[in-house]
Amino acid sequence: YLQGDPLLGRFYLYLTLFMTAMLGIVTADNIFCLFLFWELT
């Protein structure tokens, strides 16, 4: 979809960071840990 976009690397940075934050939300047990990932999303 973004073939040829010069900022594709940046897009993958944002997308991977979001995916990681979502994994943190659904696996966090500590409420402070949850909030950290919640705001990161």
Full PDB file with SEQRES, HELIX, SHEET, SSBOND, CRYST1, ORIGX, SCALE, CONECT and MASTER records, all heavy atoms in Angstrom:
SEQRES   1 A   41  TYR LEU GLN GLY ASP PRO LEU LEU GLY ARG PHE TYR LEU          
SEQRES   2 A   41  TYR LEU THR LEU PHE MET THR ALA MET LEU GLY ILE VAL          
SEQRES   3 A   41  THR ALA ASP ASN ILE PHE CYS LEU PHE LEU PHE TRP GLU          
SEQRES   4 A   41  LEU THR                                                      
HELIX    1 AA1 LEU A    8  THR A   27  1                                  20    
HELIX    2 AA2 ILE A   31  LEU A   40  1                                  10    
CRYST1    1.000    1.000    1.000  90.00  90.00  90.00 P 1           1          
ORIGX1      1.000000  0.000000  0.000000        0.00000                         
ORIGX2      0.000000  1.000000  0.000000        0.00000                         
ORIGX3      0.000000  0.000000  1.000000        0.00000                         
SCALE1      1.000000  0.000000  0.000000        0.00000                         
SCALE2      0.000000  1.000000  0.000000        0.00000                         
SCALE3      0.000000  0.000000  1.000000        0.00000                         
ATOM      1  N   TYR A   1       0.826  -1.209   0.000  1.00  0.00           N  
ATOM      2  CA  TYR A   1       0.000   0.000   0.000  1.00  0.00           C  
ATOM      3  C   TYR A   1       0.859   1.257   0.000  1.00  0.00           C  
ATOM      4  O   TYR A   1       0.517   2.243  -0.654  1.00  0.00           O  
ATOM      5  CB  TYR A   1      -0.915  -0.016   1.224  1.00  0.00           C  
ATOM      6  CG  TYR A   1      -1.927   1.097   1.247  1.00  0.00           C  
ATOM      7  CD1 TYR A   1      -3.149   0.964   0.591  1.00  0.00           C  
ATOM      8  CD2 TYR A   1      -1.674   2.295   1.923  1.00  0.00           C  
ATOM      9  CE1 TYR A   1      -4.079   1.990   0.602  1.00  0.00           C  
ATOM     10  CE2 TYR A   1      -2.595   3.317   1.941  1.00  0.00           C  
ATOM     11  CZ  TYR A   1      -3.797   3.160   1.284  1.00  0.00           C  
ATOM     12  OH  TYR A   1      -4.719   4.184   1.297  1.00  0.00           O  
ATOM     13  N   LEU A   2       1.979   1.241   0.732  1.00  0.00           N  
ATOM     14  CA  LEU A   2       2.855   2.409   0.846  1.00  0.00           C  
ATOM     15  C   LEU A   2       4.128   2.244   0.022  1.00  0.00           C  
ATOM     16  O   LEU A   2       5.157   2.835   0.346  1.00  0.00           O  
ATOM     17  CB  LEU A   2       3.210   2.659   2.316  1.00  0.00           C  
ATOM     18  CG  LEU A   2       2.037   3.003   3.236  1.00  0.00           C  
ATOM     19  CD1 LEU A   2       2.488   3.069   4.684  1.00  0.00           C  
ATOM     20  CD2 LEU A   2       1.397   4.327   2.828  1.00  0.00           C  
ATOM     21  N   GLN A   3       4.058   1.433  -1.015  1.00  0.00           N  
ATOM     22  CA  GLN A   3       5.236   1.197  -1.844  1.00  0.00           C  
ATOM     23  C   GLN A   3       5.759   2.521  -2.422  1.00  0.00           C  
ATOM     24  O   GLN A   3       5.016   3.317  -2.984  1.00  0.00           O  
ATOM     25  CB  GLN A   3       4.897   0.242  -2.980  1.00  0.00           C  
ATOM     26  CG  GLN A   3       6.093  -0.126  -3.850  1.00  0.00           C  
ATOM     27  CD  GLN A   3       5.717  -1.130  -4.934  1.00  0.00           C  
ATOM     28  OE1 GLN A   3       4.575  -1.573  -5.003  1.00  0.00           O  
ATOM     29  NE2 GLN A   3       6.661  -1.489  -5.770  1.00  0.00           N  
ATOM     30  N   GLY A   4       7.060   2.738  -2.248  1.00  0.00           N  
ATOM     31  CA  GLY A   4       7.676   3.957  -2.738  1.00  0.00           C  
ATOM     32  C   GLY A   4       7.625   5.128  -1.786  1.00  0.00           C  
ATOM     33  O   GLY A   4       8.226   6.176  -2.052  1.00  0.00           O  
ATOM     34  N   ASP A   5       6.924   4.988  -0.666  1.00  0.00           N  
ATOM     35  CA  ASP A   5       6.860   6.069   0.315  1.00  0.00           C  
ATOM     36  C   ASP A   5       8.210   6.172   1.028  1.00  0.00           C  
ATOM     37  O   ASP A   5       8.686   5.185   1.603  1.00  0.00           O  
ATOM     38  CB  ASP A   5       5.749   5.806   1.340  1.00  0.00           C  
ATOM     39  CG  ASP A   5       5.415   7.049   2.153  1.00  0.00           C  
ATOM     40  OD1 ASP A   5       6.352   7.700   2.639  1.00  0.00           O  
ATOM     41  OD2 ASP A   5       4.218   7.357   2.301  1.00  0.00           O  
ATOM     42  N   PRO A   6       8.852   7.344   1.032  1.00  0.00           N  
ATOM     43  CA  PRO A   6      10.171   7.463   1.677  1.00  0.00           C  
ATOM     44  C   PRO A   6      10.124   7.323   3.191  1.00  0.00           C  
ATOM     45  O   PRO A   6      11.166   7.143   3.829  1.00  0.00           O  
ATOM     46  CB  PRO A   6      10.630   8.874   1.269  1.00  0.00           C  
ATOM     47  CG  PRO A   6       9.371   9.614   0.963  1.00  0.00           C  
ATOM     48  CD  PRO A   6       8.427   8.606   0.401  1.00  0.00           C  
ATOM     49  N   LEU A   7       8.932   7.412   3.765  1.00  0.00           N  
ATOM     50  CA  LEU A   7       8.789   7.316   5.222  1.00  0.00           C  
ATOM     51  C   LEU A   7       8.265   5.948   5.651  1.00  0.00           C  
ATOM     52  O   LEU A   7       7.707   5.809   6.742  1.00  0.00           O  
ATOM     53  CB  LEU A   7       7.849   8.418   5.726  1.00  0.00           C  
ATOM     54  CG  LEU A   7       8.293   9.859   5.459  1.00  0.00           C  
ATOM     55  CD1 LEU A   7       7.268  10.842   5.997  1.00  0.00           C  
ATOM     56  CD2 LEU A   7       9.652  10.119   6.066  1.00  0.00           C  
ATOM     57  N   LEU A   8       8.444   4.938   4.817  1.00  0.00           N  
ATOM     58  CA  LEU A   8       7.947   3.608   5.148  1.00  0.00           C  
ATOM     59  C   LEU A   8       8.605   3.074   6.424  1.00  0.00           C  
ATOM     60  O   LEU A   8       7.957   2.425   7.244  1.00  0.00           O  
ATOM     61  CB  LEU A   8       8.197   2.644   3.981  1.00  0.00           C  
ATOM     62  CG  LEU A   8       7.653   1.226   4.149  1.00  0.00           C  
ATOM     63  CD1 LEU A   8       6.145   1.239   4.338  1.00  0.00           C  
ATOM     64  CD2 LEU A   8       8.027   0.356   2.948  1.00  0.00           C  
ATOM     65  N   GLY A   9       9.897   3.338   6.602  1.00  0.00           N  
ATOM     66  CA  GLY A   9      10.581   2.896   7.812  1.00  0.00           C  
ATOM     67  C   GLY A   9       9.978   3.505   9.058  1.00  0.00           C  
ATOM     68  O   GLY A   9       9.808   2.844  10.087  1.00  0.00           O  
ATOM     69  N   ARG A  10       9.646   4.793   8.966  1.00  0.00           N  
ATOM     70  CA  ARG A  10       8.998   5.458  10.104  1.00  0.00           C  
ATOM     71  C   ARG A  10       7.622   4.858  10.373  1.00  0.00           C  
ATOM     72  O   ARG A  10       7.211   4.700  11.532  1.00  0.00           O  
ATOM     73  CB  ARG A  10       8.874   6.956   9.824  1.00  0.00           C  
ATOM     74  CG  ARG A  10       8.286   7.755  10.967  1.00  0.00           C  
ATOM     75  CD  ARG A  10       8.042   9.197  10.574  1.00  0.00           C  
ATOM     76  NE  ARG A  10       9.284   9.866  10.210  1.00  0.00           N  
ATOM     77  CZ  ARG A  10       9.329  11.150   9.835  1.00  0.00           C  
ATOM     78  NH1 ARG A  10       8.216  11.858   9.741  1.00  0.00           N  
ATOM     79  NH2 ARG A  10      10.492  11.693   9.523  1.00  0.00           N  
ATOM     80  N   PHE A  11       6.902   4.518   9.307  1.00  0.00           N  
ATOM     81  CA  PHE A  11       5.583   3.912   9.474  1.00  0.00           C  
ATOM     82  C   PHE A  11       5.692   2.596  10.241  1.00  0.00           C  
ATOM     83  O   PHE A  11       4.889   2.328  11.154  1.00  0.00           O  
ATOM     84  CB  PHE A  11       4.947   3.673   8.099  1.00  0.00           C  
ATOM     85  CG  PHE A  11       3.599   3.010   8.164  1.00  0.00           C  
ATOM     86  CD1 PHE A  11       2.457   3.759   8.392  1.00  0.00           C  
ATOM     87  CD2 PHE A  11       3.472   1.633   8.007  1.00  0.00           C  
ATOM     88  CE1 PHE A  11       1.217   3.155   8.460  1.00  0.00           C  
ATOM     89  CE2 PHE A  11       2.237   1.023   8.068  1.00  0.00           C  
ATOM     90  CZ  PHE A  11       1.107   1.780   8.296  1.00  0.00           C  
ATOM     91  N   TYR A  12       6.665   1.765   9.896  1.00  0.00           N  
ATOM     92  CA  TYR A  12       6.836   0.502  10.598  1.00  0.00           C  
ATOM     93  C   TYR A  12       7.240   0.730  12.056  1.00  0.00           C  
ATOM     94  O   TYR A  12       6.883  -0.058  12.936  1.00  0.00           O  
ATOM     95  CB  TYR A  12       7.875  -0.366   9.891  1.00  0.00           C  
ATOM     96  CG  TYR A  12       7.302  -1.122   8.713  1.00  0.00           C  
ATOM     97  CD1 TYR A  12       7.794  -0.927   7.418  1.00  0.00           C  
ATOM     98  CD2 TYR A  12       6.275  -2.026   8.894  1.00  0.00           C  
ATOM     99  CE1 TYR A  12       7.265  -1.619   6.340  1.00  0.00           C  
ATOM    100  CE2 TYR A  12       5.740  -2.721   7.812  1.00  0.00           C  
ATOM    101  CZ  TYR A  12       6.233  -2.514   6.544  1.00  0.00           C  
ATOM    102  OH  TYR A  12       5.704  -3.199   5.481  1.00  0.00           O  
ATOM    103  N   LEU A  13       7.979   1.792  12.306  1.00  0.00           N  
ATOM    104  CA  LEU A  13       8.310   2.136  13.697  1.00  0.00           C  
ATOM    105  C   LEU A  13       7.028   2.378  14.487  1.00  0.00           C  
ATOM    106  O   LEU A  13       6.831   1.802  15.568  1.00  0.00           O  
ATOM    107  CB  LEU A  13       9.207   3.373  13.725  1.00  0.00           C  
ATOM    108  CG  LEU A  13       9.800   3.809  15.076  1.00  0.00           C  
ATOM    109  CD1 LEU A  13      11.031   4.681  14.837  1.00  0.00           C  
ATOM    110  CD2 LEU A  13       8.827   4.598  15.938  1.00  0.00           C  
ATOM    111  N   TYR A  14       6.167   3.255  13.967  1.00  0.00           N  
ATOM    112  CA  TYR A  14       4.923   3.585  14.666  1.00  0.00           C  
ATOM    113  C   TYR A  14       4.034   2.352  14.814  1.00  0.00           C  
ATOM    114  O   TYR A  14       3.452   2.112  15.884  1.00  0.00           O  
ATOM    115  CB  TYR A  14       4.155   4.671  13.908  1.00  0.00           C  
ATOM    116  CG  TYR A  14       4.884   5.974  13.735  1.00  0.00           C  
ATOM    117  CD1 TYR A  14       4.545   6.851  12.699  1.00  0.00           C  
ATOM    118  CD2 TYR A  14       5.919   6.352  14.585  1.00  0.00           C  
ATOM    119  CE1 TYR A  14       5.201   8.062  12.529  1.00  0.00           C  
ATOM    120  CE2 TYR A  14       6.585   7.562  14.419  1.00  0.00           C  
ATOM    121  CZ  TYR A  14       6.220   8.403  13.384  1.00  0.00           C  
ATOM    122  OH  TYR A  14       6.871   9.599  13.209  1.00  0.00           O  
ATOM    123  N   LEU A  15       3.906   1.576  13.731  1.00  0.00           N  
ATOM    124  CA  LEU A  15       3.004   0.432  13.742  1.00  0.00           C  
ATOM    125  C   LEU A  15       3.476  -0.637  14.728  1.00  0.00           C  
ATOM    126  O   LEU A  15       2.671  -1.205  15.483  1.00  0.00           O  
ATOM    127  CB  LEU A  15       2.894  -0.158  12.334  1.00  0.00           C  
ATOM    128  CG  LEU A  15       1.763  -1.166  12.111  1.00  0.00           C  
ATOM    129  CD1 LEU A  15       0.419  -0.483  12.236  1.00  0.00           C  
ATOM    130  CD2 LEU A  15       1.882  -1.828  10.738  1.00  0.00           C  
ATOM    131  N   THR A  16       4.766  -0.925  14.742  1.00  0.00           N  
ATOM    132  CA  THR A  16       5.307  -1.922  15.661  1.00  0.00           C  
ATOM    133  C   THR A  16       5.202  -1.452  17.102  1.00  0.00           C  
ATOM    134  O   THR A  16       4.907  -2.250  18.006  1.00  0.00           O  
ATOM    135  CB  THR A  16       6.772  -2.229  15.314  1.00  0.00           C  
ATOM    136  OG1 THR A  16       6.865  -2.566  13.926  1.00  0.00           O  
ATOM    137  CG2 THR A  16       7.308  -3.374  16.142  1.00  0.00           C  
ATOM    138  N   LEU A  17       5.425  -0.165  17.318  1.00  0.00           N  
ATOM    139  CA  LEU A  17       5.290   0.382  18.667  1.00  0.00           C  
ATOM    140  C   LEU A  17       3.850   0.264  19.147  1.00  0.00           C  
ATOM    141  O   LEU A  17       3.595  -0.084  20.312  1.00  0.00           O  
ATOM    142  CB  LEU A  17       5.731   1.847  18.673  1.00  0.00           C  
ATOM    143  CG  LEU A  17       5.991   2.475  20.042  1.00  0.00           C  
ATOM    144  CD1 LEU A  17       7.133   1.781  20.755  1.00  0.00           C  
ATOM    145  CD2 LEU A  17       6.285   3.962  19.890  1.00  0.00           C  
ATOM    146  N   PHE A  18       2.910   0.518  18.252  1.00  0.00           N  
ATOM    147  CA  PHE A  18       1.499   0.372  18.626  1.00  0.00           C  
ATOM    148  C   PHE A  18       1.162  -1.084  18.933  1.00  0.00           C  
ATOM    149  O   PHE A  18       0.469  -1.376  19.907  1.00  0.00           O  
ATOM    150  CB  PHE A  18       0.599   0.883  17.500  1.00  0.00           C  
ATOM    151  CG  PHE A  18      -0.853   0.595  17.731  1.00  0.00           C  
ATOM    152  CD1 PHE A  18      -1.605   1.415  18.551  1.00  0.00           C  
ATOM    153  CD2 PHE A  18      -1.461  -0.517  17.159  1.00  0.00           C  
ATOM    154  CE1 PHE A  18      -2.943   1.139  18.796  1.00  0.00           C  
ATOM    155  CE2 PHE A  18      -2.785  -0.798  17.395  1.00  0.00           C  
ATOM    156  CZ  PHE A  18      -3.530   0.032  18.216  1.00  0.00           C  
ATOM    157  N   MET A  19       1.613  -2.000  18.107  1.00  0.00           N  
ATOM    158  CA  MET A  19       1.346  -3.420  18.342  1.00  0.00           C  
ATOM    159  C   MET A  19       1.897  -3.855  19.700  1.00  0.00           C  
ATOM    160  O   MET A  19       1.236  -4.580  20.452  1.00  0.00           O  
ATOM    161  CB  MET A  19       1.969  -4.263  17.230  1.00  0.00           C  
ATOM    162  CG  MET A  19       1.695  -5.758  17.371  1.00  0.00           C  
ATOM    163  SD  MET A  19       2.615  -6.759  16.181  1.00  0.00           S  
ATOM    164  CE  MET A  19       4.267  -6.618  16.853  1.00  0.00           C  
ATOM    165  N   THR A  20       3.092  -3.391  20.023  1.00  0.00           N  
ATOM    166  CA  THR A  20       3.704  -3.731  21.303  1.00  0.00           C  
ATOM    167  C   THR A  20       2.887  -3.172  22.456  1.00  0.00           C  
ATOM    168  O   THR A  20       2.686  -3.847  23.479  1.00  0.00           O  
ATOM    169  CB  THR A  20       5.140  -3.184  21.355  1.00  0.00           C  
ATOM    170  OG1 THR A  20       5.876  -3.689  20.232  1.00  0.00           O  
ATOM    171  CG2 THR A  20       5.830  -3.589  22.637  1.00  0.00           C  
ATOM    172  N   ALA A  21       2.420  -1.939  22.308  1.00  0.00           N  
ATOM    173  CA  ALA A  21       1.603  -1.330  23.363  1.00  0.00           C  
ATOM    174  C   ALA A  21       0.302  -2.102  23.562  1.00  0.00           C  
ATOM    175  O   ALA A  21      -0.145  -2.301  24.703  1.00  0.00           O  
ATOM    176  CB  ALA A  21       1.313   0.124  23.016  1.00  0.00           C  
ATOM    177  N   MET A  22      -0.320  -2.553  22.475  1.00  0.00           N  
ATOM    178  CA  MET A  22      -1.552  -3.336  22.602  1.00  0.00           C  
ATOM    179  C   MET A  22      -1.297  -4.661  23.302  1.00  0.00           C  
ATOM    180  O   MET A  22      -2.104  -5.111  24.127  1.00  0.00           O  
ATOM    181  CB  MET A  22      -2.159  -3.578  21.219  1.00  0.00           C  
ATOM    182  CG  MET A  22      -2.998  -2.436  20.679  1.00  0.00           C  
ATOM    183  SD  MET A  22      -4.398  -1.955  21.717  1.00  0.00           S  
ATOM    184  CE  MET A  22      -5.250  -3.505  21.928  1.00  0.00           C  
ATOM    185  N   LEU A  23      -0.191  -5.302  22.988  1.00  0.00           N  
ATOM    186  CA  LEU A  23       0.163  -6.536  23.690  1.00  0.00           C  
ATOM    187  C   LEU A  23       0.345  -6.264  25.180  1.00  0.00           C  
ATOM    188  O   LEU A  23      -0.050  -7.085  26.029  1.00  0.00           O  
ATOM    189  CB  LEU A  23       1.445  -7.130  23.101  1.00  0.00           C  
ATOM    190  CG  LEU A  23       1.345  -7.751  21.712  1.00  0.00           C  
ATOM    191  CD1 LEU A  23       2.725  -8.179  21.219  1.00  0.00           C  
ATOM    192  CD2 LEU A  23       0.403  -8.949  21.724  1.00  0.00           C  
ATOM    193  N   GLY A  24       0.941  -5.110  25.495  1.00  0.00           N  
ATOM    194  CA  GLY A  24       1.108  -4.755  26.901  1.00  0.00           C  
ATOM    195  C   GLY A  24      -0.220  -4.551  27.603  1.00  0.00           C  
ATOM    196  O   GLY A  24      -0.394  -4.972  28.762  1.00  0.00           O  
ATOM    197  N   ILE A  25      -1.187  -3.918  26.941  1.00  0.00           N  
ATOM    198  CA  ILE A  25      -2.496  -3.678  27.559  1.00  0.00           C  
ATOM    199  C   ILE A  25      -3.185  -4.986  27.919  1.00  0.00           C  
ATOM    200  O   ILE A  25      -3.670  -5.174  29.042  1.00  0.00           O  
ATOM    201  CB  ILE A  25      -3.389  -2.850  26.612  1.00  0.00           C  
ATOM    202  CG1 ILE A  25      -2.935  -1.398  26.588  1.00  0.00           C  
ATOM    203  CG2 ILE A  25      -4.856  -2.926  27.041  1.00  0.00           C  
ATOM    204  CD1 ILE A  25      -3.732  -0.517  25.651  1.00  0.00           C  
ATOM    205  N   VAL A  26      -3.239  -5.913  26.980  1.00  0.00           N  
ATOM    206  CA  VAL A  26      -4.041  -7.119  27.189  1.00  0.00           C  
ATOM    207  C   VAL A  26      -3.336  -8.162  28.043  1.00  0.00           C  
ATOM    208  O   VAL A  26      -3.953  -9.155  28.433  1.00  0.00           O  
ATOM    209  CB  VAL A  26      -4.466  -7.732  25.840  1.00  0.00           C  
ATOM    210  CG1 VAL A  26      -5.293  -6.735  25.042  1.00  0.00           C  
ATOM    211  CG2 VAL A  26      -3.263  -8.188  25.032  1.00  0.00           C  
ATOM    212  N   THR A  27      -2.044  -7.964  28.324  1.00  0.00           N  
ATOM    213  CA  THR A  27      -1.336  -8.913  29.191  1.00  0.00           C  
ATOM    214  C   THR A  27      -0.931  -8.298  30.525  1.00  0.00           C  
ATOM    215  O   THR A  27      -0.460  -9.016  31.407  1.00  0.00           O  
ATOM    216  CB  THR A  27      -0.070  -9.457  28.505  1.00  0.00           C  
ATOM    217  OG1 THR A  27       0.793  -8.359  28.139  1.00  0.00           O  
ATOM    218  CG2 THR A  27      -0.424 -10.250  27.256  1.00  0.00           C  
ATOM    219  N   ALA A  28      -1.105  -6.979  30.703  1.00  0.00           N  
ATOM    220  CA  ALA A  28      -0.683  -6.325  31.944  1.00  0.00           C  
ATOM    221  C   ALA A  28      -1.579  -6.765  33.095  1.00  0.00           C  
ATOM    222  O   ALA A  28      -2.808  -6.830  32.966  1.00  0.00           O  
ATOM    223  CB  ALA A  28      -0.722  -4.810  31.780  1.00  0.00           C  
ATOM    224  N   ASP A  29      -0.960  -7.031  34.233  1.00  0.00           N  
ATOM    225  CA  ASP A  29      -1.701  -7.343  35.456  1.00  0.00           C  
ATOM    226  C   ASP A  29      -1.648  -6.176  36.427  1.00  0.00           C  
ATOM    227  O   ASP A  29      -2.597  -5.925  37.161  1.00  0.00           O  
ATOM    228  CB  ASP A  29      -1.121  -8.602  36.112  1.00  0.00           C  
ATOM    229  CG  ASP A  29      -2.038  -9.177  37.179  1.00  0.00           C  
ATOM    230  OD1 ASP A  29      -3.261  -8.954  37.085  1.00  0.00           O  
ATOM    231  OD2 ASP A  29      -1.547  -9.841  38.102  1.00  0.00           O  
ATOM    232  N   ASN A  30      -0.562  -5.449  36.441  1.00  0.00           N  
ATOM    233  CA  ASN A  30      -0.407  -4.287  37.309  1.00  0.00           C  
ATOM    234  C   ASN A  30      -1.091  -3.077  36.685  1.00  0.00           C  
ATOM    235  O   ASN A  30      -0.950  -2.823  35.487  1.00  0.00           O  
ATOM    236  CB  ASN A  30       1.086  -4.002  37.525  1.00  0.00           C  
ATOM    237  CG  ASN A  30       1.332  -2.924  38.545  1.00  0.00           C  
ATOM    238  OD1 ASN A  30       1.149  -1.752  38.265  1.00  0.00           O  
ATOM    239  ND2 ASN A  30       1.747  -3.323  39.735  1.00  0.00           N  
ATOM    240  N   ILE A  31      -1.843  -2.299  37.478  1.00  0.00           N  
ATOM    241  CA  ILE A  31      -2.616  -1.184  36.923  1.00  0.00           C  
ATOM    242  C   ILE A  31      -1.706  -0.069  36.420  1.00  0.00           C  
ATOM    243  O   ILE A  31      -2.047   0.628  35.461  1.00  0.00           O  
ATOM    244  CB  ILE A  31      -3.620  -0.636  37.947  1.00  0.00           C  
ATOM    245  CG1 ILE A  31      -2.904  -0.125  39.203  1.00  0.00           C  
ATOM    246  CG2 ILE A  31      -4.648  -1.690  38.313  1.00  0.00           C  
ATOM    247  CD1 ILE A  31      -3.829   0.591  40.163  1.00  0.00           C  
ATOM    248  N   PHE A  32      -0.544   0.118  37.039  1.00  0.00           N  
ATOM    249  CA  PHE A  32       0.385   1.135  36.562  1.00  0.00           C  
ATOM    250  C   PHE A  32       0.986   0.722  35.221  1.00  0.00           C  
ATOM    251  O   PHE A  32       1.186   1.547  34.330  1.00  0.00           O  
ATOM    252  CB  PHE A  32       1.499   1.363  37.588  1.00  0.00           C  
ATOM    253  CG  PHE A  32       0.993   1.809  38.933  1.00  0.00           C  
ATOM    254  CD1 PHE A  32       0.921   0.926  39.994  1.00  0.00           C  
ATOM    255  CD2 PHE A  32       0.577   3.111  39.130  1.00  0.00           C  
ATOM    256  CE1 PHE A  32       0.454   1.330  41.227  1.00  0.00           C  
ATOM    257  CE2 PHE A  32       0.104   3.532  40.360  1.00  0.00           C  
ATOM    258  CZ  PHE A  32       0.042   2.635  41.422  1.00  0.00           C  
ATOM    259  N   CYS A  33       1.269  -0.556  35.113  1.00  0.00           N  
ATOM    260  CA  CYS A  33       1.783  -1.097  33.859  1.00  0.00           C  
ATOM    261  C   CYS A  33       0.731  -0.952  32.755  1.00  0.00           C  
ATOM    262  O   CYS A  33       1.037  -0.569  31.626  1.00  0.00           O  
ATOM    263  CB  CYS A  33       2.171  -2.561  34.070  1.00  0.00           C  
ATOM    264  SG  CYS A  33       3.045  -3.318  32.695  1.00  0.00           S  
ATOM    265  N   LEU A  34      -0.529  -1.232  33.097  1.00  0.00           N  
ATOM    266  CA  LEU A  34      -1.618  -1.080  32.126  1.00  0.00           C  
ATOM    267  C   LEU A  34      -1.709   0.362  31.637  1.00  0.00           C  
ATOM    268  O   LEU A  34      -1.832   0.617  30.432  1.00  0.00           O  
ATOM    269  CB  LEU A  34      -2.940  -1.501  32.761  1.00  0.00           C  
ATOM    270  CG  LEU A  34      -4.182  -1.189  31.918  1.00  0.00           C  
ATOM    271  CD1 LEU A  34      -4.366  -2.244  30.845  1.00  0.00           C  
ATOM    272  CD2 LEU A  34      -5.425  -1.069  32.762  1.00  0.00           C  
ATOM    273  N   PHE A  35      -1.652   1.306  32.570  1.00  0.00           N  
ATOM    274  CA  PHE A  35      -1.772   2.716  32.197  1.00  0.00           C  
ATOM    275  C   PHE A  35      -0.627   3.139  31.272  1.00  0.00           C  
ATOM    276  O   PHE A  35      -0.834   3.906  30.324  1.00  0.00           O  
ATOM    277  CB  PHE A  35      -1.785   3.588  33.450  1.00  0.00           C  
ATOM    278  CG  PHE A  35      -1.776   5.058  33.156  1.00  0.00           C  
ATOM    279  CD1 PHE A  35      -2.891   5.690  32.627  1.00  0.00           C  
ATOM    280  CD2 PHE A  35      -0.648   5.819  33.399  1.00  0.00           C  
ATOM    281  CE1 PHE A  35      -2.881   7.046  32.340  1.00  0.00           C  
ATOM    282  CE2 PHE A  35      -0.626   7.171  33.124  1.00  0.00           C  
ATOM    283  CZ  PHE A  35      -1.748   7.788  32.595  1.00  0.00           C  
ATOM    284  N   LEU A  36       0.571   2.650  31.545  1.00  0.00           N  
ATOM    285  CA  LEU A  36       1.718   2.968  30.696  1.00  0.00           C  
ATOM    286  C   LEU A  36       1.454   2.549  29.256  1.00  0.00           C  
ATOM    287  O   LEU A  36       1.630   3.345  28.321  1.00  0.00           O  
ATOM    288  CB  LEU A  36       2.962   2.264  31.239  1.00  0.00           C  
ATOM    289  CG  LEU A  36       4.222   2.352  30.378  1.00  0.00           C  
ATOM    290  CD1 LEU A  36       4.738   3.779  30.335  1.00  0.00           C  
ATOM    291  CD2 LEU A  36       5.299   1.416  30.910  1.00  0.00           C  
ATOM    292  N   PHE A  37       0.990   1.317  29.057  1.00  0.00           N  
ATOM    293  CA  PHE A  37       0.724   0.836  27.700  1.00  0.00           C  
ATOM    294  C   PHE A  37      -0.528   1.484  27.106  1.00  0.00           C  
ATOM    295  O   PHE A  37      -0.604   1.706  25.892  1.00  0.00           O  
ATOM    296  CB  PHE A  37       0.580  -0.687  27.708  1.00  0.00           C  
ATOM    297  CG  PHE A  37       1.862  -1.410  28.009  1.00  0.00           C  
ATOM    298  CD1 PHE A  37       1.989  -2.198  29.148  1.00  0.00           C  
ATOM    299  CD2 PHE A  37       2.959  -1.292  27.181  1.00  0.00           C  
ATOM    300  CE1 PHE A  37       3.167  -2.861  29.434  1.00  0.00           C  
ATOM    301  CE2 PHE A  37       4.142  -1.946  27.458  1.00  0.00           C  
ATOM    302  CZ  PHE A  37       4.249  -2.732  28.584  1.00  0.00           C  
ATOM    303  N   TRP A  38      -1.507   1.781  27.953  1.00  0.00           N  
ATOM    304  CA  TRP A  38      -2.747   2.420  27.501  1.00  0.00           C  
ATOM    305  C   TRP A  38      -2.436   3.769  26.846  1.00  0.00           C  
ATOM    306  O   TRP A  38      -2.922   4.081  25.758  1.00  0.00           O  
ATOM    307  CB  TRP A  38      -3.688   2.599  28.685  1.00  0.00           C  
ATOM    308  CG  TRP A  38      -5.072   3.067  28.353  1.00  0.00           C  
ATOM    309  CD1 TRP A  38      -5.477   4.343  28.140  1.00  0.00           C  
ATOM    310  CD2 TRP A  38      -6.247   2.248  28.195  1.00  0.00           C  
ATOM    311  NE1 TRP A  38      -6.830   4.390  27.872  1.00  0.00           N  
ATOM    312  CE2 TRP A  38      -7.317   3.120  27.905  1.00  0.00           C  
ATOM    313  CE3 TRP A  38      -6.486   0.886  28.294  1.00  0.00           C  
ATOM    314  CZ2 TRP A  38      -8.615   2.662  27.706  1.00  0.00           C  
ATOM    315  CZ3 TRP A  38      -7.791   0.430  28.090  1.00  0.00           C  
ATOM    316  CH2 TRP A  38      -8.831   1.301  27.797  1.00  0.00           C  
ATOM    317  N   GLU A  39      -1.631   4.572  27.517  1.00  0.00           N  
ATOM    318  CA  GLU A  39      -1.282   5.876  26.964  1.00  0.00           C  
ATOM    319  C   GLU A  39      -0.329   5.753  25.778  1.00  0.00           C  
ATOM    320  O   GLU A  39      -0.339   6.596  24.881  1.00  0.00           O  
ATOM    321  CB  GLU A  39      -0.663   6.752  28.050  1.00  0.00           C  
ATOM    322  CG  GLU A  39      -1.641   7.165  29.138  1.00  0.00           C  
ATOM    323  CD  GLU A  39      -2.810   7.979  28.603  1.00  0.00           C  
ATOM    324  OE1 GLU A  39      -3.814   7.379  28.158  1.00  0.00           O  
ATOM    325  OE2 GLU A  39      -2.721   9.218  28.614  1.00  0.00           O  
ATOM    326  N   LEU A  40       0.485   4.707  25.774  1.00  0.00           N  
ATOM    327  CA  LEU A  40       1.383   4.490  24.636  1.00  0.00           C  
ATOM    328  C   LEU A  40       0.585   4.201  23.366  1.00  0.00           C  
ATOM    329  O   LEU A  40       0.975   4.618  22.269  1.00  0.00           O  
ATOM    330  CB  LEU A  40       2.351   3.346  24.933  1.00  0.00           C  
ATOM    331  CG  LEU A  40       3.415   3.073  23.859  1.00  0.00           C  
ATOM    332  CD1 LEU A  40       4.250   4.315  23.584  1.00  0.00           C  
ATOM    333  CD2 LEU A  40       4.316   1.915  24.292  1.00  0.00           C  
ATOM    334  N   THR A  41      -0.552   3.512  23.499  1.00  0.00           N  
ATOM    335  CA  THR A  41      -1.401   3.295  22.316  1.00  0.00           C  
ATOM    336  C   THR A  41      -1.969   4.615  21.815  1.00  0.00           C  
ATOM    337  O   THR A  41      -2.088   4.828  20.599  1.00  0.00           O  
ATOM    338  CB  THR A  41      -2.557   2.328  22.624  1.00  0.00           C  
ATOM    339  OG1 THR A  41      -3.365   2.861  23.688  1.00  0.00           O  
ATOM    340  CG2 THR A  41      -2.055   0.959  23.005  1.00  0.00           C  
TER     341      THR A  41                                                      
MASTER        0    0    0    2    0    0    0    6  340    1    0    4          
END                                                                             
